[in-house]
Amino acid sequence: VVLASKARRFRVAVAELDRVWSNFECDHVFRTDNWTMFKSS
């Protein structure tokens, strides 16, 4: 979908994906704080 949303500029789309994936942390995807994990468990 990111590629599709920037289909007119392929390099720009890939650079955006590279930027996001290269700077990922788990708390960008799901809550990882101790309290949330404890409540879930």
PDB file of all heavy atoms in Angstrom:
ATOM      1  N   VAL A   1       0.824  -1.205   0.000  1.00  0.00           N
ATOM      2  CA  VAL A   1       0.000   0.000   0.000  1.00  0.00           C
ATOM      3  C   VAL A   1       0.864   1.263   0.000  1.00  0.00           C
ATOM      4  O   VAL A   1       0.522   2.257  -0.654  1.00  0.00           O
ATOM      5  CB  VAL A   1      -0.973  -0.017   1.197  1.00  0.00           C
ATOM      6  CG1 VAL A   1      -1.632   1.345   1.398  1.00  0.00           C
ATOM      7  CG2 VAL A   1      -2.050  -1.073   0.966  1.00  0.00           C
ATOM      8  N   VAL A   2       1.981   1.247   0.719  1.00  0.00           N
ATOM      9  CA  VAL A   2       2.885   2.401   0.670  1.00  0.00           C
ATOM     10  C   VAL A   2       3.402   2.596  -0.749  1.00  0.00           C
ATOM     11  O   VAL A   2       3.452   3.728  -1.262  1.00  0.00           O
ATOM     12  CB  VAL A   2       4.052   2.221   1.664  1.00  0.00           C
ATOM     13  CG1 VAL A   2       5.105   3.306   1.453  1.00  0.00           C
ATOM     14  CG2 VAL A   2       3.541   2.269   3.090  1.00  0.00           C
ATOM     15  N   LEU A   3       3.788   1.518  -1.424  1.00  0.00           N
ATOM     16  CA  LEU A   3       4.222   1.617  -2.818  1.00  0.00           C
ATOM     17  C   LEU A   3       3.107   2.170  -3.698  1.00  0.00           C
ATOM     18  O   LEU A   3       3.354   3.011  -4.576  1.00  0.00           O
ATOM     19  CB  LEU A   3       4.655   0.248  -3.339  1.00  0.00           C
ATOM     20  CG  LEU A   3       5.952  -0.352  -2.791  1.00  0.00           C
ATOM     21  CD1 LEU A   3       6.169  -1.746  -3.367  1.00  0.00           C
ATOM     22  CD2 LEU A   3       7.148   0.544  -3.115  1.00  0.00           C
ATOM     23  N   ALA A   4       1.886   1.704  -3.471  1.00  0.00           N
ATOM     24  CA  ALA A   4       0.755   2.161  -4.278  1.00  0.00           C
ATOM     25  C   ALA A   4       0.476   3.637  -4.074  1.00  0.00           C
ATOM     26  O   ALA A   4       0.152   4.364  -5.026  1.00  0.00           O
ATOM     27  CB  ALA A   4      -0.486   1.336  -3.945  1.00  0.00           C
ATOM     28  N   SER A   5       0.588   4.103  -2.837  1.00  0.00           N
ATOM     29  CA  SER A   5       0.283   5.505  -2.536  1.00  0.00           C
ATOM     30  C   SER A   5       1.326   6.464  -3.098  1.00  0.00           C
ATOM     31  O   SER A   5       1.069   7.660  -3.227  1.00  0.00           O
ATOM     32  CB  SER A   5       0.153   5.705  -1.020  1.00  0.00           C
ATOM     33  OG  SER A   5       1.404   5.536  -0.378  1.00  0.00           O
ATOM     34  N   LYS A   6       2.494   5.946  -3.439  1.00  0.00           N
ATOM     35  CA  LYS A   6       3.560   6.766  -4.014  1.00  0.00           C
ATOM     36  C   LYS A   6       4.033   6.173  -5.335  1.00  0.00           C
ATOM     37  O   LYS A   6       5.219   6.245  -5.685  1.00  0.00           O
ATOM     38  CB  LYS A   6       4.733   6.874  -3.031  1.00  0.00           C
ATOM     39  CG  LYS A   6       4.385   7.536  -1.700  1.00  0.00           C
ATOM     40  CD  LYS A   6       5.594   7.593  -0.776  1.00  0.00           C
ATOM     41  CE  LYS A   6       5.246   8.182   0.574  1.00  0.00           C
ATOM     42  NZ  LYS A   6       4.853   9.598   0.496  1.00  0.00           N
ATOM     43  N   ALA A   7       3.097   5.594  -6.086  1.00  0.00           N
ATOM     44  CA  ALA A   7       3.460   4.859  -7.298  1.00  0.00           C
ATOM     45  C   ALA A   7       4.079   5.748  -8.371  1.00  0.00           C
ATOM     46  O   ALA A   7       4.805   5.263  -9.243  1.00  0.00           O
ATOM     47  CB  ALA A   7       2.231   4.141  -7.864  1.00  0.00           C
ATOM     48  N   ARG A   8       3.795   7.032  -8.338  1.00  0.00           N
ATOM     49  CA  ARG A   8       4.355   7.923  -9.349  1.00  0.00           C
ATOM     50  C   ARG A   8       5.855   8.118  -9.177  1.00  0.00           C
ATOM     51  O   ARG A   8       6.547   8.510 -10.122  1.00  0.00           O
ATOM     52  CB  ARG A   8       3.654   9.282  -9.286  1.00  0.00           C
ATOM     53  CG  ARG A   8       2.187   9.247  -9.711  1.00  0.00           C
ATOM     54  CD  ARG A   8       1.559  10.620  -9.601  1.00  0.00           C
ATOM     55  NE  ARG A   8       0.195  10.638 -10.111  1.00  0.00           N
ATOM     56  CZ  ARG A   8      -0.587  11.716 -10.123  1.00  0.00           C
ATOM     57  NH1 ARG A   8      -0.134  12.859  -9.631  1.00  0.00           N
ATOM     58  NH2 ARG A   8      -1.821  11.648 -10.605  1.00  0.00           N
ATOM     59  N   ARG A   9       6.350   7.875  -7.961  1.00  0.00           N
ATOM     60  CA  ARG A   9       7.776   8.072  -7.673  1.00  0.00           C
ATOM     61  C   ARG A   9       8.271   6.862  -6.889  1.00  0.00           C
ATOM     62  O   ARG A   9       8.239   6.842  -5.661  1.00  0.00           O
ATOM     63  CB  ARG A   9       7.986   9.372  -6.901  1.00  0.00           C
ATOM     64  CG  ARG A   9       7.570  10.625  -7.676  1.00  0.00           C
ATOM     65  CD  ARG A   9       7.881  11.896  -6.884  1.00  0.00           C
ATOM     66  NE  ARG A   9       7.100  11.981  -5.656  1.00  0.00           N
ATOM     67  CZ  ARG A   9       7.304  12.906  -4.721  1.00  0.00           C
ATOM     68  NH1 ARG A   9       8.275  13.790  -4.859  1.00  0.00           N
ATOM     69  NH2 ARG A   9       6.541  12.944  -3.639  1.00  0.00           N
ATOM     70  N   PHE A  10       8.745   5.874  -7.620  1.00  0.00           N
ATOM     71  CA  PHE A  10       9.119   4.597  -7.021  1.00  0.00           C
ATOM     72  C   PHE A  10      10.250   4.756  -6.008  1.00  0.00           C
ATOM     73  O   PHE A  10      10.197   4.203  -4.905  1.00  0.00           O
ATOM     74  CB  PHE A  10       9.522   3.616  -8.129  1.00  0.00           C
ATOM     75  CG  PHE A  10       9.895   2.243  -7.636  1.00  0.00           C
ATOM     76  CD1 PHE A  10       8.975   1.464  -6.949  1.00  0.00           C
ATOM     77  CD2 PHE A  10      11.161   1.726  -7.859  1.00  0.00           C
ATOM     78  CE1 PHE A  10       9.303   0.195  -6.494  1.00  0.00           C
ATOM     79  CE2 PHE A  10      11.500   0.454  -7.424  1.00  0.00           C
ATOM     80  CZ  PHE A  10      10.577  -0.302  -6.730  1.00  0.00           C
ATOM     81  N   ARG A  11      11.273   5.515  -6.357  1.00  0.00           N
ATOM     82  CA  ARG A  11      12.404   5.685  -5.430  1.00  0.00           C
ATOM     83  C   ARG A  11      11.966   6.369  -4.142  1.00  0.00           C
ATOM     84  O   ARG A  11      12.441   6.035  -3.052  1.00  0.00           O
ATOM     85  CB  ARG A  11      13.519   6.488  -6.092  1.00  0.00           C
ATOM     86  CG  ARG A  11      14.349   5.699  -7.084  1.00  0.00           C
ATOM     87  CD  ARG A  11      15.657   6.400  -7.390  1.00  0.00           C
ATOM     88  NE  ARG A  11      16.479   5.629  -8.315  1.00  0.00           N
ATOM     89  CZ  ARG A  11      17.740   5.922  -8.601  1.00  0.00           C
ATOM     90  NH1 ARG A  11      18.310   6.970  -8.035  1.00  0.00           N
ATOM     91  NH2 ARG A  11      18.421   5.183  -9.456  1.00  0.00           N
ATOM     92  N   VAL A  12      11.062   7.327  -4.263  1.00  0.00           N
ATOM     93  CA  VAL A  12      10.566   8.022  -3.074  1.00  0.00           C
ATOM     94  C   VAL A  12       9.791   7.052  -2.185  1.00  0.00           C
ATOM     95  O   VAL A  12       9.928   7.067  -0.952  1.00  0.00           O
ATOM     96  CB  VAL A  12       9.677   9.219  -3.479  1.00  0.00           C
ATOM     97  CG1 VAL A  12       9.000   9.832  -2.253  1.00  0.00           C
ATOM     98  CG2 VAL A  12      10.507  10.270  -4.206  1.00  0.00           C
ATOM     99  N   ALA A  13       8.974   6.203  -2.807  1.00  0.00           N
ATOM    100  CA  ALA A  13       8.200   5.219  -2.042  1.00  0.00           C
ATOM    101  C   ALA A  13       9.116   4.268  -1.290  1.00  0.00           C
ATOM    102  O   ALA A  13       8.915   3.979  -0.100  1.00  0.00           O
ATOM    103  CB  ALA A  13       7.282   4.446  -2.984  1.00  0.00           C
ATOM    104  N   VAL A  14      10.139   3.760  -1.978  1.00  0.00           N
ATOM    105  CA  VAL A  14      11.066   2.819  -1.343  1.00  0.00           C
ATOM    106  C   VAL A  14      11.873   3.514  -0.249  1.00  0.00           C
ATOM    107  O   VAL A  14      12.122   2.932   0.814  1.00  0.00           O
ATOM    108  CB  VAL A  14      11.990   2.186  -2.398  1.00  0.00           C
ATOM    109  CG1 VAL A  14      13.046   1.310  -1.725  1.00  0.00           C
ATOM    110  CG2 VAL A  14      11.172   1.353  -3.388  1.00  0.00           C
ATOM    111  N   ALA A  15      12.268   4.764  -0.490  1.00  0.00           N
ATOM    112  CA  ALA A  15      13.005   5.514   0.532  1.00  0.00           C
ATOM    113  C   ALA A  15      12.154   5.702   1.784  1.00  0.00           C
ATOM    114  O   ALA A  15      12.672   5.649   2.914  1.00  0.00           O
ATOM    115  CB  ALA A  15      13.436   6.868  -0.022  1.00  0.00           C
ATOM    116  N   GLU A  16      10.844   5.910   1.603  1.00  0.00           N
ATOM    117  CA  GLU A  16       9.948   6.044   2.750  1.00  0.00           C
ATOM    118  C   GLU A  16       9.866   4.737   3.529  1.00  0.00           C
ATOM    119  O   GLU A  16       9.921   4.732   4.764  1.00  0.00           O
ATOM    120  CB  GLU A  16       8.560   6.469   2.276  1.00  0.00           C
ATOM    121  CG  GLU A  16       7.504   6.568   3.358  1.00  0.00           C
ATOM    122  CD  GLU A  16       7.748   7.720   4.337  1.00  0.00           C
ATOM    123  OE1 GLU A  16       8.646   8.546   4.066  1.00  0.00           O
ATOM    124  OE2 GLU A  16       7.055   7.774   5.364  1.00  0.00           O
ATOM    125  N   LEU A  17       9.735   3.621   2.816  1.00  0.00           N
ATOM    126  CA  LEU A  17       9.726   2.321   3.481  1.00  0.00           C
ATOM    127  C   LEU A  17      11.039   2.072   4.214  1.00  0.00           C
ATOM    128  O   LEU A  17      11.049   1.590   5.352  1.00  0.00           O
ATOM    129  CB  LEU A  17       9.490   1.211   2.450  1.00  0.00           C
ATOM    130  CG  LEU A  17       8.070   1.056   1.914  1.00  0.00           C
ATOM    131  CD1 LEU A  17       8.038   0.064   0.751  1.00  0.00           C
ATOM    132  CD2 LEU A  17       7.122   0.592   3.015  1.00  0.00           C
ATOM    133  N   ASP A  18      12.135   2.408   3.567  1.00  0.00           N
ATOM    134  CA  ASP A  18      13.457   2.220   4.177  1.00  0.00           C
ATOM    135  C   ASP A  18      13.578   3.050   5.454  1.00  0.00           C
ATOM    136  O   ASP A  18      14.088   2.569   6.482  1.00  0.00           O
ATOM    137  CB  ASP A  18      14.528   2.620   3.162  1.00  0.00           C
ATOM    138  CG  ASP A  18      15.937   2.303   3.647  1.00  0.00           C
ATOM    139  OD1 ASP A  18      16.096   1.411   4.508  1.00  0.00           O
ATOM    140  OD2 ASP A  18      16.886   2.956   3.169  1.00  0.00           O
ATOM    141  N   ARG A  19      13.092   4.277   5.418  1.00  0.00           N
ATOM    142  CA  ARG A  19      13.177   5.154   6.593  1.00  0.00           C
ATOM    143  C   ARG A  19      12.400   4.572   7.768  1.00  0.00           C
ATOM    144  O   ARG A  19      12.908   4.523   8.905  1.00  0.00           O
ATOM    145  CB  ARG A  19      12.637   6.541   6.238  1.00  0.00           C
ATOM    146  CG  ARG A  19      12.668   7.528   7.409  1.00  0.00           C
ATOM    147  CD  ARG A  19      11.974   8.830   7.060  1.00  0.00           C
ATOM    148  NE  ARG A  19      10.547   8.655   6.869  1.00  0.00           N
ATOM    149  CZ  ARG A  19       9.654   8.589   7.866  1.00  0.00           C
ATOM    150  NH1 ARG A  19      10.055   8.658   9.126  1.00  0.00           N
ATOM    151  NH2 ARG A  19       8.361   8.445   7.597  1.00  0.00           N
ATOM    152  N   VAL A  20      11.177   4.129   7.513  1.00  0.00           N
ATOM    153  CA  VAL A  20      10.339   3.613   8.598  1.00  0.00           C
ATOM    154  C   VAL A  20      10.893   2.299   9.146  1.00  0.00           C
ATOM    155  O   VAL A  20      11.066   2.139  10.363  1.00  0.00           O
ATOM    156  CB  VAL A  20       8.888   3.430   8.120  1.00  0.00           C
ATOM    157  CG1 VAL A  20       8.055   2.733   9.187  1.00  0.00           C
ATOM    158  CG2 VAL A  20       8.266   4.783   7.783  1.00  0.00           C
ATOM    159  N   TRP A  21      11.202   1.352   8.249  1.00  0.00           N
ATOM    160  CA  TRP A  21      11.670   0.051   8.706  1.00  0.00           C
ATOM    161  C   TRP A  21      13.050   0.134   9.355  1.00  0.00           C
ATOM    162  O   TRP A  21      13.364  -0.661  10.254  1.00  0.00           O
ATOM    163  CB  TRP A  21      11.705  -0.936   7.539  1.00  0.00           C
ATOM    164  CG  TRP A  21      10.372  -1.517   7.196  1.00  0.00           C
ATOM    165  CD1 TRP A  21       9.468  -1.038   6.297  1.00  0.00           C
ATOM    166  CD2 TRP A  21       9.781  -2.701   7.747  1.00  0.00           C
ATOM    167  NE1 TRP A  21       8.357  -1.841   6.248  1.00  0.00           N
ATOM    168  CE2 TRP A  21       8.521  -2.871   7.125  1.00  0.00           C
ATOM    169  CE3 TRP A  21      10.193  -3.631   8.701  1.00  0.00           C
ATOM    170  CZ2 TRP A  21       7.668  -3.940   7.434  1.00  0.00           C
ATOM    171  CZ3 TRP A  21       9.351  -4.697   9.009  1.00  0.00           C
ATOM    172  CH2 TRP A  21       8.104  -4.842   8.374  1.00  0.00           C
ATOM    173  N   SER A  22      13.875   1.086   8.934  1.00  0.00           N
ATOM    174  CA  SER A  22      15.220   1.213   9.500  1.00  0.00           C
ATOM    175  C   SER A  22      15.210   1.823  10.896  1.00  0.00           C
ATOM    176  O   SER A  22      16.237   1.806  11.582  1.00  0.00           O
ATOM    177  CB  SER A  22      16.111   2.075   8.591  1.00  0.00           C
ATOM    178  OG  SER A  22      16.362   1.425   7.369  1.00  0.00           O
ATOM    179  N   ASN A  23      14.095   2.369  11.297  1.00  0.00           N
ATOM    180  CA  ASN A  23      14.016   3.026  12.603  1.00  0.00           C
ATOM    181  C   ASN A  23      12.942   2.422  13.497  1.00  0.00           C
ATOM    182  O   ASN A  23      12.503   3.046  14.463  1.00  0.00           O
ATOM    183  CB  ASN A  23      13.758   4.524  12.406  1.00  0.00           C
ATOM    184  CG  ASN A  23      14.925   5.233  11.753  1.00  0.00           C
ATOM    185  OD1 ASN A  23      15.939   5.496  12.387  1.00  0.00           O
ATOM    186  ND2 ASN A  23      14.806   5.516  10.460  1.00  0.00           N
ATOM    187  N   PHE A  24      12.528   1.204  13.178  1.00  0.00           N
ATOM    188  CA  PHE A  24      11.487   0.549  13.961  1.00  0.00           C
ATOM    189  C   PHE A  24      11.946   0.271  15.388  1.00  0.00           C
ATOM    190  O   PHE A  24      13.105  -0.048  15.648  1.00  0.00           O
ATOM    191  CB  PHE A  24      11.081  -0.775  13.316  1.00  0.00           C
ATOM    192  CG  PHE A  24       9.745  -0.733  12.643  1.00  0.00           C
ATOM    193  CD1 PHE A  24       9.567  -1.310  11.398  1.00  0.00           C
ATOM    194  CD2 PHE A  24       8.645  -0.130  13.246  1.00  0.00           C
ATOM    195  CE1 PHE A  24       8.336  -1.285  10.757  1.00  0.00           C
ATOM    196  CE2 PHE A  24       7.410  -0.105  12.619  1.00  0.00           C
ATOM    197  CZ  PHE A  24       7.256  -0.677  11.376  1.00  0.00           C
ATOM    198  N   GLU A  25      11.005   0.387  16.287  1.00  0.00           N
ATOM    199  CA  GLU A  25      11.123  -0.117  17.649  1.00  0.00           C
ATOM    200  C   GLU A  25       9.817  -0.828  17.962  1.00  0.00           C
ATOM    201  O   GLU A  25       8.771  -0.503  17.401  1.00  0.00           O
ATOM    202  CB  GLU A  25      11.372   1.024  18.641  1.00  0.00           C
ATOM    203  CG  GLU A  25      12.698   1.727  18.425  1.00  0.00           C
ATOM    204  CD  GLU A  25      12.901   2.890  19.383  1.00  0.00           C
ATOM    205  OE1 GLU A  25      12.037   3.091  20.267  1.00  0.00           O
ATOM    206  OE2 GLU A  25      13.913   3.589  19.243  1.00  0.00           O
ATOM    207  N   CYS A  26       9.881  -1.805  18.849  1.00  0.00           N
ATOM    208  CA  CYS A  26       8.685  -2.592  19.138  1.00  0.00           C
ATOM    209  C   CYS A  26       7.507  -1.725  19.567  1.00  0.00           C
ATOM    210  O   CYS A  26       6.355  -2.018  19.221  1.00  0.00           O
ATOM    211  CB  CYS A  26       8.987  -3.643  20.211  1.00  0.00           C
ATOM    212  SG  CYS A  26       9.882  -5.089  19.589  1.00  0.00           S
ATOM    213  N   ASP A  27       7.796  -0.647  20.301  1.00  0.00           N
ATOM    214  CA  ASP A  27       6.678   0.173  20.769  1.00  0.00           C
ATOM    215  C   ASP A  27       6.080   1.046  19.678  1.00  0.00           C
ATOM    216  O   ASP A  27       5.122   1.768  19.916  1.00  0.00           O
ATOM    217  CB  ASP A  27       7.069   1.015  21.986  1.00  0.00           C
ATOM    218  CG  ASP A  27       8.246   1.938  21.727  1.00  0.00           C
ATOM    219  OD1 ASP A  27       8.649   2.094  20.554  1.00  0.00           O
ATOM    220  OD2 ASP A  27       8.765   2.516  22.698  1.00  0.00           O
ATOM    221  N   HIS A  28       6.624   0.982  18.454  1.00  0.00           N
ATOM    222  CA  HIS A  28       5.967   1.580  17.296  1.00  0.00           C
ATOM    223  C   HIS A  28       4.866   0.672  16.765  1.00  0.00           C
ATOM    224  O   HIS A  28       4.015   1.104  15.983  1.00  0.00           O
ATOM    225  CB  HIS A  28       6.965   1.824  16.161  1.00  0.00           C
ATOM    226  CG  HIS A  28       8.022   2.828  16.496  1.00  0.00           C
ATOM    227  ND1 HIS A  28       9.179   2.974  15.741  1.00  0.00           N
ATOM    228  CD2 HIS A  28       8.114   3.739  17.501  1.00  0.00           C
ATOM    229  CE1 HIS A  28       9.925   3.929  16.271  1.00  0.00           C
ATOM    230  NE2 HIS A  28       9.296   4.401  17.342  1.00  0.00           N
ATOM    231  N   VAL A  29       4.912  -0.604  17.154  1.00  0.00           N
ATOM    232  CA  VAL A  29       3.991  -1.609  16.620  1.00  0.00           C
ATOM    233  C   VAL A  29       2.969  -2.043  17.665  1.00  0.00           C
ATOM    234  O   VAL A  29       1.772  -2.167  17.368  1.00  0.00           O
ATOM    235  CB  VAL A  29       4.770  -2.844  16.109  1.00  0.00           C
ATOM    236  CG1 VAL A  29       3.828  -3.891  15.529  1.00  0.00           C
ATOM    237  CG2 VAL A  29       5.801  -2.412  15.066  1.00  0.00           C
ATOM    238  N   PHE A  30       3.414  -2.284  18.887  1.00  0.00           N
ATOM    239  CA  PHE A  30       2.486  -2.676  19.960  1.00  0.00           C
ATOM    240  C   PHE A  30       2.998  -2.120  21.286  1.00  0.00           C
ATOM    241  O   PHE A  30       4.179  -1.793  21.426  1.00  0.00           O
ATOM    242  CB  PHE A  30       2.325  -4.201  20.028  1.00  0.00           C
ATOM    243  CG  PHE A  30       3.610  -4.973  19.955  1.00  0.00           C
ATOM    244  CD1 PHE A  30       4.396  -5.188  21.077  1.00  0.00           C
ATOM    245  CD2 PHE A  30       4.042  -5.500  18.742  1.00  0.00           C
ATOM    246  CE1 PHE A  30       5.578  -5.898  21.004  1.00  0.00           C
ATOM    247  CE2 PHE A  30       5.240  -6.215  18.658  1.00  0.00           C
ATOM    248  CZ  PHE A  30       6.005  -6.409  19.792  1.00  0.00           C
ATOM    249  N   ARG A  31       2.082  -1.997  22.237  1.00  0.00           N
ATOM    250  CA  ARG A  31       2.456  -1.439  23.536  1.00  0.00           C
ATOM    251  C   ARG A  31       3.359  -2.428  24.272  1.00  0.00           C
ATOM    252  O   ARG A  31       3.035  -3.606  24.401  1.00  0.00           O
ATOM    253  CB  ARG A  31       1.207  -1.157  24.370  1.00  0.00           C
ATOM    254  CG  ARG A  31       0.271  -0.139  23.725  1.00  0.00           C
ATOM    255  CD  ARG A  31      -0.826   0.276  24.690  1.00  0.00           C
ATOM    256  NE  ARG A  31      -1.842   1.073  24.037  1.00  0.00           N
ATOM    257  CZ  ARG A  31      -1.742   2.371  23.773  1.00  0.00           C
ATOM    258  NH1 ARG A  31      -0.637   3.014  24.113  1.00  0.00           N
ATOM    259  NH2 ARG A  31      -2.723   3.025  23.174  1.00  0.00           N
ATOM    260  N   THR A  32       4.492  -1.909  24.765  1.00  0.00           N
ATOM    261  CA  THR A  32       5.478  -2.791  25.391  1.00  0.00           C
ATOM    262  C   THR A  32       5.816  -2.373  26.818  1.00  0.00           C
ATOM    263  O   THR A  32       6.707  -2.975  27.433  1.00  0.00           O
ATOM    264  CB  THR A  32       6.789  -2.790  24.574  1.00  0.00           C
ATOM    265  OG1 THR A  32       7.314  -1.448  24.527  1.00  0.00           O
ATOM    266  CG2 THR A  32       6.563  -3.291  23.164  1.00  0.00           C
ATOM    267  N   ASP A  33       5.127  -1.365  27.360  1.00  0.00           N
ATOM    268  CA  ASP A  33       5.437  -0.951  28.719  1.00  0.00           C
ATOM    269  C   ASP A  33       5.078  -2.063  29.705  1.00  0.00           C
ATOM    270  O   ASP A  33       4.193  -2.896  29.447  1.00  0.00           O
ATOM    271  CB  ASP A  33       4.688   0.336  29.072  1.00  0.00           C
ATOM    272  CG  ASP A  33       3.180   0.183  28.972  1.00  0.00           C
ATOM    273  OD1 ASP A  33       2.661   0.267  27.841  1.00  0.00           O
ATOM    274  OD2 ASP A  33       2.541  -0.047  30.012  1.00  0.00           O
ATOM    275  N   ASN A  34       5.748  -2.096  30.822  1.00  0.00           N
ATOM    276  CA  ASN A  34       5.593  -3.173  31.791  1.00  0.00           C
ATOM    277  C   ASN A  34       4.155  -3.313  32.280  1.00  0.00           C
ATOM    278  O   ASN A  34       3.642  -4.431  32.440  1.00  0.00           O
ATOM    279  CB  ASN A  34       6.524  -2.950  32.984  1.00  0.00           C
ATOM    280  CG  ASN A  34       7.989  -3.072  32.609  1.00  0.00           C
ATOM    281  OD1 ASN A  34       8.322  -3.619  31.559  1.00  0.00           O
ATOM    282  ND2 ASN A  34       8.863  -2.561  33.461  1.00  0.00           N
ATOM    283  N   TRP A  35       3.483  -2.190  32.521  1.00  0.00           N
ATOM    284  CA  TRP A  35       2.125  -2.244  33.048  1.00  0.00           C
ATOM    285  C   TRP A  35       1.158  -2.860  32.039  1.00  0.00           C
ATOM    286  O   TRP A  35       0.340  -3.714  32.386  1.00  0.00           O
ATOM    287  CB  TRP A  35       1.661  -0.855  33.459  1.00  0.00           C
ATOM    288  CG  TRP A  35       0.238  -0.783  33.939  1.00  0.00           C
ATOM    289  CD1 TRP A  35      -0.774  -0.020  33.431  1.00  0.00           C
ATOM    290  CD2 TRP A  35      -0.343  -1.524  35.033  1.00  0.00           C
ATOM    291  NE1 TRP A  35      -1.941  -0.229  34.121  1.00  0.00           N
ATOM    292  CE2 TRP A  35      -1.710  -1.149  35.112  1.00  0.00           C
ATOM    293  CE3 TRP A  35       0.155  -2.459  35.933  1.00  0.00           C
ATOM    294  CZ2 TRP A  35      -2.570  -1.682  36.070  1.00  0.00           C
ATOM    295  CZ3 TRP A  35      -0.707  -2.982  36.883  1.00  0.00           C
ATOM    296  CH2 TRP A  35      -2.052  -2.600  36.943  1.00  0.00           C
ATOM    297  N   THR A  36       1.268  -2.445  30.776  1.00  0.00           N
ATOM    298  CA  THR A  36       0.391  -3.006  29.749  1.00  0.00           C
ATOM    299  C   THR A  36       0.634  -4.500  29.573  1.00  0.00           C
ATOM    300  O   THR A  36      -0.312  -5.286  29.470  1.00  0.00           O
ATOM    301  CB  THR A  36       0.605  -2.280  28.405  1.00  0.00           C
ATOM    302  OG1 THR A  36       0.241  -0.904  28.545  1.00  0.00           O
ATOM    303  CG2 THR A  36      -0.247  -2.907  27.301  1.00  0.00           C
ATOM    304  N   MET A  37       1.903  -4.907  29.530  1.00  0.00           N
ATOM    305  CA  MET A  37       2.215  -6.322  29.367  1.00  0.00           C
ATOM    306  C   MET A  37       1.721  -7.122  30.566  1.00  0.00           C
ATOM    307  O   MET A  37       1.215  -8.246  30.417  1.00  0.00           O
ATOM    308  CB  MET A  37       3.724  -6.511  29.185  1.00  0.00           C
ATOM    309  CG  MET A  37       4.301  -5.842  27.943  1.00  0.00           C
ATOM    310  SD  MET A  37       3.677  -6.541  26.394  1.00  0.00           S
ATOM    311  CE  MET A  37       4.522  -8.100  26.378  1.00  0.00           C
ATOM    312  N   PHE A  38       1.852  -6.560  31.774  1.00  0.00           N
ATOM    313  CA  PHE A  38       1.377  -7.251  32.972  1.00  0.00           C
ATOM    314  C   PHE A  38      -0.144  -7.398  32.942  1.00  0.00           C
ATOM    315  O   PHE A  38      -0.678  -8.478  33.236  1.00  0.00           O
ATOM    316  CB  PHE A  38       1.806  -6.476  34.221  1.00  0.00           C
ATOM    317  CG  PHE A  38       1.254  -7.044  35.503  1.00  0.00           C
ATOM    318  CD1 PHE A  38       1.780  -8.195  36.055  1.00  0.00           C
ATOM    319  CD2 PHE A  38       0.186  -6.416  36.152  1.00  0.00           C
ATOM    320  CE1 PHE A  38       1.266  -8.719  37.226  1.00  0.00           C
ATOM    321  CE2 PHE A  38      -0.332  -6.933  37.330  1.00  0.00           C
ATOM    322  CZ  PHE A  38       0.204  -8.085  37.872  1.00  0.00           C
ATOM    323  N   LYS A  39      -0.856  -6.329  32.578  1.00  0.00           N
ATOM    324  CA  LYS A  39      -2.319  -6.398  32.498  1.00  0.00           C
ATOM    325  C   LYS A  39      -2.771  -7.438  31.485  1.00  0.00           C
ATOM    326  O   LYS A  39      -3.713  -8.197  31.742  1.00  0.00           O
ATOM    327  CB  LYS A  39      -2.889  -5.025  32.117  1.00  0.00           C
ATOM    328  CG  LYS A  39      -2.902  -4.012  33.226  1.00  0.00           C
ATOM    329  CD  LYS A  39      -3.795  -2.826  32.891  1.00  0.00           C
ATOM    330  CE  LYS A  39      -3.385  -2.153  31.610  1.00  0.00           C
ATOM    331  NZ  LYS A  39      -4.265  -1.009  31.289  1.00  0.00           N
ATOM    332  N   SER A  40      -2.103  -7.460  30.331  1.00  0.00           N
ATOM    333  CA  SER A  40      -2.478  -8.424  29.298  1.00  0.00           C
ATOM    334  C   SER A  40      -2.266  -9.855  29.788  1.00  0.00           C
ATOM    335  O   SER A  40      -3.135 -10.728  29.613  1.00  0.00           O
ATOM    336  CB  SER A  40      -1.658  -8.174  28.031  1.00  0.00           C
ATOM    337  OG  SER A  40      -1.935  -9.139  27.048  1.00  0.00           O
ATOM    338  N   SER A  41      -1.121 -10.102  30.426  1.00  0.00           N
ATOM    339  CA  SER A  41      -0.828 -11.449  30.927  1.00  0.00           C
ATOM    340  C   SER A  41      -1.843 -11.881  31.980  1.00  0.00           C
ATOM    341  O   SER A  41      -2.342 -13.018  31.964  1.00  0.00           O
ATOM    342  CB  SER A  41       0.584 -11.492  31.500  1.00  0.00           C
ATOM    343  OG  SER A  41       1.544 -11.163  30.533  1.00  0.00           O
TER     344      SER A  41
END
